[in-house]
N, C-alpha and C. Protein backbone atom coordinates (compact mmCIF):
# COMPACT_ATOMS: atom_id res chain seq x y z
N MET A 1 28.51 -9.51 -0.15
CA MET A 1 28.01 -10.85 -0.27
C MET A 1 26.89 -10.86 -1.31
N PRO A 2 27.20 -11.03 -2.56
CA PRO A 2 26.16 -11.04 -3.57
C PRO A 2 25.19 -12.20 -3.38
N THR A 3 23.98 -11.99 -3.83
CA THR A 3 22.94 -12.99 -3.67
C THR A 3 22.93 -13.97 -4.83
N TYR A 4 22.39 -15.13 -4.56
CA TYR A 4 22.10 -16.09 -5.62
C TYR A 4 20.85 -16.86 -5.25
N VAL A 5 20.15 -17.34 -6.25
CA VAL A 5 18.88 -18.01 -6.04
C VAL A 5 19.08 -19.51 -6.06
N VAL A 6 18.48 -20.20 -5.10
CA VAL A 6 18.48 -21.66 -5.06
C VAL A 6 17.29 -22.10 -5.92
N PRO A 7 17.55 -22.61 -7.14
CA PRO A 7 16.44 -22.91 -8.06
C PRO A 7 15.40 -23.88 -7.51
N SER A 8 15.81 -24.83 -6.69
CA SER A 8 14.85 -25.81 -6.18
C SER A 8 13.84 -25.18 -5.21
N LYS A 9 14.18 -24.03 -4.62
CA LYS A 9 13.26 -23.36 -3.70
C LYS A 9 12.43 -22.27 -4.38
N CYS A 10 12.92 -21.72 -5.49
CA CYS A 10 12.28 -20.57 -6.14
C CYS A 10 10.98 -20.99 -6.82
N GLN A 11 9.92 -20.21 -6.58
CA GLN A 11 8.62 -20.45 -7.20
C GLN A 11 8.30 -19.42 -8.30
N GLY A 12 9.25 -18.51 -8.57
CA GLY A 12 9.05 -17.51 -9.62
C GLY A 12 8.02 -16.45 -9.28
N CYS A 13 7.89 -16.10 -8.00
CA CYS A 13 6.86 -15.14 -7.57
C CYS A 13 7.18 -13.70 -7.96
N MET A 14 8.41 -13.41 -8.31
CA MET A 14 8.89 -12.10 -8.75
C MET A 14 9.04 -11.07 -7.63
N GLU A 15 8.91 -11.46 -6.37
CA GLU A 15 9.10 -10.51 -5.28
C GLU A 15 10.52 -9.91 -5.32
N CYS A 16 11.51 -10.75 -5.57
CA CYS A 16 12.90 -10.26 -5.61
C CYS A 16 13.13 -9.35 -6.82
N VAL A 17 12.50 -9.67 -7.92
CA VAL A 17 12.63 -8.85 -9.14
C VAL A 17 12.03 -7.48 -8.90
N THR A 18 10.90 -7.45 -8.25
CA THR A 18 10.19 -6.19 -8.00
C THR A 18 10.95 -5.29 -7.05
N ILE A 19 11.59 -5.86 -6.03
CA ILE A 19 12.19 -5.04 -4.98
C ILE A 19 13.65 -4.68 -5.23
N CYS A 20 14.34 -5.37 -6.12
CA CYS A 20 15.78 -5.15 -6.32
C CYS A 20 16.08 -3.74 -6.82
N PRO A 21 16.83 -2.93 -6.04
CA PRO A 21 17.11 -1.55 -6.47
C PRO A 21 18.10 -1.46 -7.62
N SER A 22 18.92 -2.48 -7.82
CA SER A 22 19.89 -2.41 -8.92
C SER A 22 19.43 -3.18 -10.15
N ASP A 23 18.21 -3.70 -10.13
CA ASP A 23 17.59 -4.35 -11.29
C ASP A 23 18.44 -5.51 -11.83
N ILE A 24 18.98 -6.31 -10.93
CA ILE A 24 19.80 -7.45 -11.38
C ILE A 24 19.11 -8.79 -11.14
N MET A 25 17.97 -8.78 -10.47
CA MET A 25 17.21 -10.03 -10.29
C MET A 25 16.23 -10.14 -11.44
N HIS A 26 16.29 -11.24 -12.17
CA HIS A 26 15.43 -11.46 -13.33
C HIS A 26 14.83 -12.86 -13.26
N ILE A 27 13.79 -13.08 -14.04
CA ILE A 27 13.17 -14.40 -14.14
C ILE A 27 13.67 -15.05 -15.43
N ASP A 28 14.20 -16.25 -15.29
CA ASP A 28 14.64 -17.02 -16.46
C ASP A 28 13.39 -17.47 -17.22
N PRO A 29 13.23 -17.05 -18.49
CA PRO A 29 12.01 -17.37 -19.22
C PRO A 29 11.83 -18.86 -19.50
N THR A 30 12.90 -19.64 -19.52
CA THR A 30 12.77 -21.07 -19.80
C THR A 30 12.39 -21.87 -18.56
N GLN A 31 12.89 -21.46 -17.39
CA GLN A 31 12.61 -22.21 -16.16
C GLN A 31 11.57 -21.54 -15.27
N GLY A 32 11.33 -20.24 -15.48
CA GLY A 32 10.38 -19.51 -14.63
C GLY A 32 10.90 -19.28 -13.24
N LYS A 33 12.22 -19.27 -13.07
CA LYS A 33 12.84 -19.09 -11.76
C LYS A 33 13.71 -17.82 -11.80
N ALA A 34 13.85 -17.21 -10.64
CA ALA A 34 14.66 -16.00 -10.54
C ALA A 34 16.14 -16.34 -10.58
N TYR A 35 16.94 -15.38 -11.01
CA TYR A 35 18.40 -15.51 -10.93
C TYR A 35 19.01 -14.12 -10.95
N ASN A 36 20.22 -14.01 -10.43
CA ASN A 36 20.96 -12.75 -10.36
C ASN A 36 21.78 -12.66 -11.64
N ILE A 37 21.45 -11.69 -12.51
CA ILE A 37 22.13 -11.62 -13.80
C ILE A 37 23.54 -11.05 -13.71
N GLU A 38 23.85 -10.30 -12.65
CA GLU A 38 25.16 -9.69 -12.52
C GLU A 38 25.55 -9.55 -11.05
N PRO A 39 26.05 -10.64 -10.43
CA PRO A 39 26.38 -10.59 -9.00
C PRO A 39 27.34 -9.47 -8.60
N SER A 40 28.23 -9.08 -9.49
CA SER A 40 29.19 -8.03 -9.13
C SER A 40 28.52 -6.66 -8.98
N PHE A 41 27.30 -6.51 -9.48
CA PHE A 41 26.58 -5.25 -9.33
C PHE A 41 25.62 -5.26 -8.14
N CYS A 42 25.64 -6.33 -7.36
CA CYS A 42 24.74 -6.45 -6.21
C CYS A 42 25.11 -5.39 -5.17
N TRP A 43 24.14 -4.64 -4.71
CA TRP A 43 24.36 -3.60 -3.70
C TRP A 43 24.46 -4.18 -2.30
N GLU A 44 24.15 -5.45 -2.15
CA GLU A 44 24.19 -6.13 -0.86
C GLU A 44 23.23 -5.50 0.14
N CYS A 45 22.09 -5.07 -0.37
CA CYS A 45 21.06 -4.51 0.51
C CYS A 45 20.19 -5.61 1.11
N PHE A 46 20.21 -6.79 0.49
CA PHE A 46 19.46 -7.97 0.92
C PHE A 46 17.95 -7.75 0.94
N SER A 47 17.48 -6.79 0.16
CA SER A 47 16.04 -6.60 0.03
C SER A 47 15.39 -7.85 -0.54
N CYS A 48 16.05 -8.48 -1.49
CA CYS A 48 15.50 -9.69 -2.10
C CYS A 48 15.42 -10.83 -1.08
N VAL A 49 16.43 -10.93 -0.22
CA VAL A 49 16.43 -11.96 0.82
C VAL A 49 15.24 -11.75 1.75
N LYS A 50 15.02 -10.48 2.13
CA LYS A 50 13.93 -10.16 3.05
C LYS A 50 12.57 -10.33 2.38
N ALA A 51 12.49 -10.11 1.08
CA ALA A 51 11.20 -10.16 0.37
C ALA A 51 10.81 -11.56 -0.06
N CYS A 52 11.75 -12.45 -0.23
CA CYS A 52 11.46 -13.78 -0.78
C CYS A 52 10.64 -14.62 0.20
N PRO A 53 9.39 -14.95 -0.16
CA PRO A 53 8.56 -15.74 0.76
C PRO A 53 8.99 -17.20 0.86
N GLU A 54 9.77 -17.67 -0.10
CA GLU A 54 10.20 -19.07 -0.11
C GLU A 54 11.55 -19.29 0.55
N GLY A 55 12.26 -18.21 0.90
CA GLY A 55 13.61 -18.34 1.45
C GLY A 55 14.55 -18.93 0.43
N ALA A 56 14.35 -18.57 -0.84
CA ALA A 56 15.12 -19.17 -1.93
C ALA A 56 16.39 -18.41 -2.27
N ILE A 57 16.68 -17.33 -1.57
CA ILE A 57 17.85 -16.54 -1.92
C ILE A 57 18.90 -16.68 -0.84
N ASP A 58 20.06 -17.18 -1.23
CA ASP A 58 21.21 -17.30 -0.35
C ASP A 58 22.22 -16.24 -0.75
N VAL A 59 23.27 -16.14 0.03
CA VAL A 59 24.32 -15.16 -0.27
C VAL A 59 25.67 -15.85 -0.28
N ARG A 60 26.58 -15.29 -1.02
CA ARG A 60 27.96 -15.76 -1.02
C ARG A 60 28.73 -14.86 -0.07
N GLY A 61 29.22 -15.42 1.00
CA GLY A 61 29.91 -14.62 2.00
C GLY A 61 31.35 -14.31 1.62
N TYR A 62 31.86 -13.23 2.18
CA TYR A 62 33.26 -12.87 2.00
C TYR A 62 34.11 -13.67 2.98
N SER A 63 35.39 -13.82 2.69
CA SER A 63 36.25 -14.66 3.51
C SER A 63 36.40 -14.15 4.94
N ASP A 64 36.25 -12.84 5.17
CA ASP A 64 36.34 -12.35 6.54
C ASP A 64 35.07 -12.62 7.33
N PHE A 65 34.00 -12.96 6.64
CA PHE A 65 32.71 -13.24 7.27
C PHE A 65 32.50 -14.74 7.43
N ALA A 66 32.87 -15.49 6.42
CA ALA A 66 32.72 -16.95 6.44
C ALA A 66 33.82 -17.55 5.59
N PRO A 67 34.52 -18.56 6.08
CA PRO A 67 35.66 -19.13 5.36
C PRO A 67 35.27 -19.82 4.04
N LEU A 68 36.29 -20.14 3.27
CA LEU A 68 36.11 -20.82 1.99
C LEU A 68 35.31 -22.11 2.16
N HIS A 69 34.50 -22.41 1.17
CA HIS A 69 33.64 -23.61 1.16
C HIS A 69 32.59 -23.57 2.26
N HIS A 70 32.03 -22.43 2.48
CA HIS A 70 30.99 -22.27 3.49
C HIS A 70 29.62 -22.21 2.81
N ARG A 71 28.61 -22.18 3.63
CA ARG A 71 27.24 -22.00 3.14
C ARG A 71 26.57 -21.00 4.06
N VAL A 72 26.00 -19.94 3.48
CA VAL A 72 25.30 -18.92 4.24
C VAL A 72 23.82 -19.00 3.87
N VAL A 73 22.99 -19.30 4.85
CA VAL A 73 21.56 -19.46 4.60
C VAL A 73 20.79 -18.43 5.43
N PRO A 74 20.21 -17.42 4.78
CA PRO A 74 19.39 -16.47 5.54
C PRO A 74 17.98 -17.00 5.71
N THR A 75 17.41 -16.76 6.87
CA THR A 75 16.03 -17.15 7.15
C THR A 75 15.27 -15.91 7.59
N ARG A 76 14.15 -15.66 6.98
CA ARG A 76 13.38 -14.46 7.26
C ARG A 76 12.10 -14.80 7.99
N THR A 77 11.80 -14.01 9.02
CA THR A 77 10.49 -14.04 9.66
C THR A 77 10.01 -12.60 9.67
N PRO A 78 8.77 -12.33 10.05
CA PRO A 78 8.32 -10.92 10.08
C PRO A 78 9.11 -10.05 11.06
N GLU A 79 9.71 -10.66 12.07
CA GLU A 79 10.42 -9.87 13.08
C GLU A 79 11.92 -9.81 12.89
N LYS A 80 12.51 -10.81 12.23
CA LYS A 80 13.97 -10.87 12.20
C LYS A 80 14.46 -11.58 10.94
N ILE A 81 15.76 -11.43 10.72
CA ILE A 81 16.44 -12.21 9.70
C ILE A 81 17.61 -12.89 10.40
N GLN A 82 17.75 -14.17 10.17
CA GLN A 82 18.80 -14.94 10.82
C GLN A 82 19.74 -15.48 9.75
N TRP A 83 21.04 -15.34 10.00
CA TRP A 83 22.06 -15.86 9.09
C TRP A 83 22.65 -17.11 9.73
N HIS A 84 22.62 -18.21 9.03
CA HIS A 84 23.13 -19.49 9.50
C HIS A 84 24.32 -19.84 8.61
N ILE A 85 25.50 -19.92 9.20
CA ILE A 85 26.72 -20.17 8.44
C ILE A 85 27.30 -21.50 8.85
N GLU A 86 27.55 -22.35 7.87
CA GLU A 86 28.18 -23.64 8.10
C GLU A 86 29.51 -23.65 7.36
N THR A 87 30.59 -23.91 8.09
CA THR A 87 31.90 -23.97 7.45
C THR A 87 32.22 -25.41 7.08
N ARG A 88 33.25 -25.57 6.27
CA ARG A 88 33.60 -26.92 5.84
C ARG A 88 34.12 -27.78 6.99
N SER A 89 34.56 -27.14 8.08
CA SER A 89 35.03 -27.91 9.24
C SER A 89 33.88 -28.33 10.15
N GLY A 90 32.66 -27.88 9.83
CA GLY A 90 31.51 -28.23 10.64
C GLY A 90 31.11 -27.16 11.65
N LEU A 91 31.91 -26.11 11.76
CA LEU A 91 31.58 -25.02 12.67
C LEU A 91 30.31 -24.33 12.18
N VAL A 92 29.41 -24.02 13.10
CA VAL A 92 28.16 -23.36 12.76
C VAL A 92 28.11 -22.02 13.50
N LYS A 93 27.77 -20.95 12.78
CA LYS A 93 27.61 -19.63 13.37
C LYS A 93 26.20 -19.15 13.04
N ASP A 94 25.53 -18.57 14.02
CA ASP A 94 24.20 -18.01 13.80
C ASP A 94 24.20 -16.56 14.25
N PHE A 95 23.68 -15.68 13.39
CA PHE A 95 23.54 -14.26 13.71
C PHE A 95 22.08 -13.89 13.49
N THR A 96 21.51 -13.14 14.40
CA THR A 96 20.12 -12.72 14.27
C THR A 96 20.05 -11.20 14.32
N PHE A 97 19.32 -10.60 13.38
CA PHE A 97 19.15 -9.16 13.32
C PHE A 97 17.67 -8.83 13.21
N PRO A 98 17.20 -7.79 13.92
CA PRO A 98 15.79 -7.43 13.81
C PRO A 98 15.50 -6.79 12.46
N LEU A 99 14.29 -6.95 11.99
CA LEU A 99 13.83 -6.25 10.80
C LEU A 99 13.17 -4.95 11.25
N ARG A 100 12.58 -4.25 10.33
CA ARG A 100 11.93 -2.98 10.61
C ARG A 100 11.04 -3.07 11.85
N THR A 101 11.17 -2.11 12.74
CA THR A 101 10.40 -2.13 13.97
C THR A 101 9.31 -1.06 14.00
N THR A 102 9.26 -0.20 13.01
CA THR A 102 8.23 0.83 12.96
C THR A 102 7.17 0.43 11.94
N PRO A 103 5.93 0.78 12.18
CA PRO A 103 4.90 0.44 11.19
C PRO A 103 5.18 1.10 9.85
N TRP A 104 4.87 0.39 8.78
CA TRP A 104 5.08 0.92 7.44
C TRP A 104 4.28 2.21 7.27
N GLY A 105 4.92 3.26 6.76
CA GLY A 105 4.26 4.53 6.54
C GLY A 105 4.25 5.44 7.75
N SER A 106 4.86 5.02 8.87
CA SER A 106 4.83 5.84 10.08
C SER A 106 5.92 6.91 10.10
N ILE A 107 6.92 6.80 9.27
CA ILE A 107 7.99 7.80 9.24
C ILE A 107 7.56 8.91 8.28
N PRO A 108 7.53 10.17 8.75
CA PRO A 108 7.07 11.25 7.88
C PRO A 108 7.98 11.44 6.67
N ALA A 109 7.40 11.82 5.58
CA ALA A 109 8.16 12.09 4.36
C ALA A 109 9.02 13.34 4.56
N PRO A 110 10.16 13.45 3.87
CA PRO A 110 11.03 14.62 4.05
C PRO A 110 10.31 15.94 3.79
N GLN A 111 9.39 15.97 2.83
CA GLN A 111 8.70 17.22 2.53
C GLN A 111 7.75 17.65 3.65
N GLU A 112 7.44 16.75 4.59
CA GLU A 112 6.59 17.09 5.72
C GLU A 112 7.39 17.72 6.86
N ALA A 113 8.70 17.61 6.84
CA ALA A 113 9.55 18.14 7.91
C ALA A 113 9.74 19.64 7.71
N PRO A 114 9.91 20.38 8.79
CA PRO A 114 10.16 21.82 8.65
C PRO A 114 11.52 22.06 8.00
N ALA A 115 11.65 23.18 7.35
CA ALA A 115 12.91 23.52 6.68
C ALA A 115 14.02 23.67 7.73
N PRO A 116 15.23 23.18 7.43
CA PRO A 116 16.33 23.33 8.40
C PRO A 116 16.77 24.78 8.52
N ALA A 117 17.38 25.09 9.65
CA ALA A 117 17.89 26.44 9.88
C ALA A 117 19.08 26.72 8.95
N GLU A 118 19.35 27.98 8.70
CA GLU A 118 20.45 28.37 7.81
C GLU A 118 21.79 27.81 8.26
N GLU A 119 22.04 27.82 9.59
CA GLU A 119 23.34 27.34 10.10
C GLU A 119 23.50 25.83 9.96
N ALA A 120 22.43 25.13 9.64
CA ALA A 120 22.51 23.68 9.49
C ALA A 120 23.35 23.25 8.29
N ILE A 121 23.56 24.15 7.36
CA ILE A 121 24.36 23.80 6.17
C ILE A 121 25.79 23.45 6.55
N ALA A 122 26.29 24.02 7.65
CA ALA A 122 27.66 23.74 8.10
C ALA A 122 27.71 22.59 9.11
N ASP A 123 26.58 22.04 9.47
CA ASP A 123 26.51 20.98 10.47
C ASP A 123 26.81 19.63 9.82
N GLU A 124 27.51 18.76 10.54
CA GLU A 124 27.83 17.44 10.01
C GLU A 124 26.68 16.46 10.08
N LEU A 125 25.65 16.78 10.84
CA LEU A 125 24.49 15.91 10.97
C LEU A 125 23.61 15.98 9.73
N LEU A 126 22.94 14.89 9.45
CA LEU A 126 21.93 14.90 8.42
C LEU A 126 20.67 15.53 9.00
N SER A 127 19.78 15.97 8.17
CA SER A 127 18.57 16.62 8.64
C SER A 127 17.79 15.73 9.60
N PHE A 128 17.55 16.21 10.80
CA PHE A 128 16.75 15.54 11.82
C PHE A 128 17.32 14.18 12.23
N GLU A 129 18.63 14.00 12.08
CA GLU A 129 19.24 12.71 12.37
C GLU A 129 19.01 12.23 13.80
N PRO A 130 19.26 13.04 14.84
CA PRO A 130 19.02 12.53 16.20
C PRO A 130 17.57 12.10 16.42
N ASP A 131 16.61 12.82 15.83
CA ASP A 131 15.20 12.46 16.00
C ASP A 131 14.92 11.09 15.42
N TYR A 132 15.40 10.82 14.22
CA TYR A 132 15.12 9.54 13.57
C TYR A 132 15.84 8.38 14.25
N LEU A 133 16.96 8.67 14.90
CA LEU A 133 17.70 7.63 15.61
C LEU A 133 17.24 7.48 17.05
N ALA A 134 16.31 8.33 17.47
CA ALA A 134 15.75 8.30 18.83
C ALA A 134 16.83 8.52 19.89
N VAL A 135 17.71 9.48 19.64
CA VAL A 135 18.73 9.86 20.62
C VAL A 135 18.69 11.38 20.77
N GLU A 136 19.16 11.87 21.91
CA GLU A 136 19.18 13.32 22.11
C GLU A 136 20.27 13.98 21.29
N ALA A 137 21.41 13.32 21.18
CA ALA A 137 22.52 13.84 20.39
C ALA A 137 23.37 12.66 19.93
N LEU A 138 24.07 12.84 18.85
CA LEU A 138 24.96 11.80 18.37
C LEU A 138 26.26 11.84 19.14
N PRO A 139 26.91 10.70 19.36
CA PRO A 139 28.20 10.72 20.04
C PRO A 139 29.24 11.43 19.18
N THR A 140 30.14 12.12 19.84
CA THR A 140 31.20 12.83 19.12
C THR A 140 32.55 12.39 19.66
N LEU A 141 33.56 12.55 18.83
CA LEU A 141 34.92 12.24 19.24
C LEU A 141 35.57 13.50 19.78
N LYS A 142 36.37 13.34 20.83
CA LYS A 142 37.13 14.48 21.34
C LYS A 142 38.35 14.66 20.46
N ARG A 143 38.48 15.82 19.93
CA ARG A 143 39.63 16.10 19.07
C ARG A 143 40.76 16.66 19.92
N PRO A 144 41.97 16.18 19.65
CA PRO A 144 43.10 16.70 20.44
C PRO A 144 43.33 18.18 20.13
N ALA A 145 43.84 18.87 21.13
CA ALA A 145 44.15 20.29 20.93
C ALA A 145 45.25 20.43 19.89
N PRO A 146 45.16 21.44 19.04
CA PRO A 146 46.22 21.65 18.06
C PRO A 146 47.56 21.92 18.73
N PRO A 147 48.66 21.55 18.08
CA PRO A 147 49.98 21.78 18.68
C PRO A 147 50.18 23.26 19.01
N GLY A 148 50.72 23.51 20.17
CA GLY A 148 51.02 24.88 20.60
C GLY A 148 49.81 25.60 21.19
N ALA A 149 48.70 24.89 21.38
CA ALA A 149 47.51 25.57 21.93
C ALA A 149 47.47 25.46 23.44
């Protein structure tokens, strides 16, 4: 769902330009408003949506998420982001997702973590994954026994 800027809401604060990891949010020099220069390169991280203090960034939804001729309006608060979808038939869908729940800077940097054990190179887990997810172990799938076993 690539992002696009609603010009009437944009104040040109450059928050979206600063935070965009793919460098596709730019300020139009004639209007002083942000715009997405290449929607097909959008990573769909929605960092710009979360950073925009004016709520000026909407998204174009995919057909499996919202039908043709829909409108997707994200709303950001410090605690959550809410997606409000209006379809052309008048159906309204609302989804709410929490934003970051840990204080900024509270997660230790990778260089602060102890070196992984030698056998960890063959492990499918990422370094310290259960710790960061606050679980004792990740769920695993039971694999069927090989034929003839």
